[in-house]
C-alpha atoms as a PDB file:
ATOM      1  CA  MET A   1     -74.167 -41.159 109.233  1.00  0.00           C
ATOM      2  CA  PHE A   2     -77.916 -41.141 109.242  1.00  0.00           C
ATOM      3  CA  ASN A   3     -79.943 -42.935 106.050  1.00  0.00           C
ATOM      4  CA  ARG A   4     -81.098 -39.801 103.803  1.00  0.00           C
ATOM      5  CA  HIS A   5     -84.487 -39.704 102.243  1.00  0.00           C
ATOM      6  CA  PRO A   6     -84.433 -40.005  97.909  1.00  0.00           C
ATOM      7  CA  THR A   7     -85.909 -36.980  97.662  1.00  0.00           C
ATOM      8  CA  ASP A   8     -83.376 -35.003  99.857  1.00  0.00           C
ATOM      9  CA  PRO A   9     -81.125 -32.490  98.152  1.00  0.00           C
ATOM     10  CA  PRO A  10     -77.578 -33.735  97.308  1.00  0.00           C
ATOM     11  CA  ILE A  11     -75.290 -32.812  99.922  1.00  0.00           C
ATOM     12  CA  ASN A  12     -72.794 -30.217  98.596  1.00  0.00           C
ATOM     13  CA  PRO A  13     -68.959 -32.092  98.657  1.00  0.00           C
ATOM     14  CA  THR A  14     -67.002 -28.699  98.104  1.00  0.00           C
ATOM     15  CA  ASP A  15     -68.608 -27.081 100.964  1.00  0.00           C
ATOM     16  CA  PRO A  16     -70.653 -29.229 103.571  1.00  0.00           C
ATOM     17  CA  THR A  17     -71.624 -26.794 105.686  1.00  0.00           C
ATOM     18  CA  GLY A  18     -73.133 -24.379 103.394  1.00  0.00           C
ATOM     19  CA  PRO A  19     -76.617 -24.135 102.146  1.00  0.00           C
ATOM     20  CA  ILE A  20     -77.859 -27.174 100.426  1.00  0.00           C
ATOM     21  CA  ALA A  21     -81.573 -26.505 100.275  1.00  0.00           C
ATOM     22  CA  PRO A  22     -84.012 -23.345  98.890  1.00  0.00           C
ATOM     23  CA  PRO A  23     -84.552 -20.676 101.725  1.00  0.00           C
ATOM     24  CA  SER A  24     -87.765 -21.415 103.606  1.00  0.00           C
ATOM     25  CA  ASP A  25     -90.795 -19.894 102.138  1.00  0.00           C
ATOM     26  CA  PRO A  26     -91.695 -16.805 104.721  1.00  0.00           C
ATOM     27  CA  THR A  27     -95.481 -16.845 103.626  1.00  0.00           C
ATOM     28  CA  ALA A  28     -95.885 -20.473 104.376  1.00  0.00           C
ATOM     29  CA  PRO A  29     -98.282 -20.730 107.370  1.00  0.00           C
ATOM     30  CA  ASP A  30     -96.794 -21.842 111.067  1.00  0.00           C
ATOM     31  CA  GLY A  31     -97.421 -25.338 112.523  1.00  0.00           C
ATOM     32  CA  PRO A  32    -100.204 -25.825 114.967  1.00  0.00           C
ATOM     33  CA  VAL A  33    -100.129 -23.480 117.880  1.00  0.00           C
ATOM     34  CA  ILE A  34     -99.390 -25.497 121.023  1.00  0.00           C
ATOM     35  CA  ASP A  35    -101.049 -24.146 124.248  1.00  0.00           C
ATOM     36  CA  PRO A  36     -98.224 -23.829 126.518  1.00  0.00           C
ATOM     37  CA  THR A  37    -100.241 -24.084 129.432  1.00  0.00           C
ATOM     38  CA  GLY A  38    -101.284 -27.513 128.704  1.00  0.00           C
ATOM     39  CA  PRO A  39    -104.818 -29.207 128.721  1.00  0.00           C
ATOM     40  CA  THR A  40    -107.151 -28.555 131.519  1.00  0.00           C
ATOM     41  CA  ASP A  41    -108.869 -31.104 133.791  1.00  0.00           C
ATOM     42  CA  PRO A  42    -112.518 -30.812 133.645  1.00  0.00           C
ATOM     43  CA  PRO A  43    -114.384 -29.526 136.862  1.00  0.00           C
ATOM     44  CA  PHE A  44    -115.152 -31.714 139.710  1.00  0.00           C
ATOM     45  CA  ASP A  45    -118.061 -33.350 139.208  1.00  0.00           C
ATOM     46  CA  PRO A  46    -119.407 -34.737 142.892  1.00  0.00           C
ATOM     47  CA  THR A  47    -122.302 -36.640 141.232  1.00  0.00           C
ATOM     48  CA  ALA A  48    -120.157 -38.724 138.786  1.00  0.00           C
ATOM     49  CA  PRO A  49    -119.648 -42.436 139.525  1.00  0.00           C
ATOM     50  CA  PRO A  50    -116.225 -43.256 141.317  1.00  0.00           C
ATOM     51  CA  VAL A  51    -113.400 -44.382 138.923  1.00  0.00           C
ATOM     52  CA  PRO A  52    -112.889 -48.529 139.359  1.00  0.00           C
ATOM     53  CA  PRO A  53    -109.938 -49.370 141.081  1.00  0.00           C
ATOM     54  CA  GLU A  54    -106.976 -50.586 138.711  1.00  0.00           C
ATOM     55  CA  PRO A  55    -106.498 -54.349 138.733  1.00  0.00           C
ATOM     56  CA  GLU A  56    -103.509 -55.437 140.759  1.00  0.00           C
ATOM     57  CA  THR A  57    -100.513 -56.991 139.374  1.00  0.00           C
ATOM     58  CA  ALA A  58    -100.005 -60.758 139.370  1.00  0.00           C
ATOM     59  CA  PRO A  59     -97.706 -61.710 142.812  1.00  0.00           C
ATOM     60  CA  GLU A  60     -94.212 -62.741 141.938  1.00  0.00           C
ATOM     61  CA  ARG A  61     -93.401 -65.979 141.913  1.00  0.00           C
END
C-alpha cells in the first residue's frame, strides 16, 4: 500500500473499486503539448569552433 496525501478523498470501504473522486472537468485545459518528433538539432555550422574532448577518467588502481 502506498502513502496517501492528506487532501486525497477517503477510500470508500464498502466499494474500494468504485469512484472516490468527482468526475474530471471536461472544460479544463489539457496539459502541455508535447512534440512527438522531439527536439531538432541546430543546423551544422562549419565555422563553429570544435567541441573540446571530454576529460579522460582516472586510471583504475
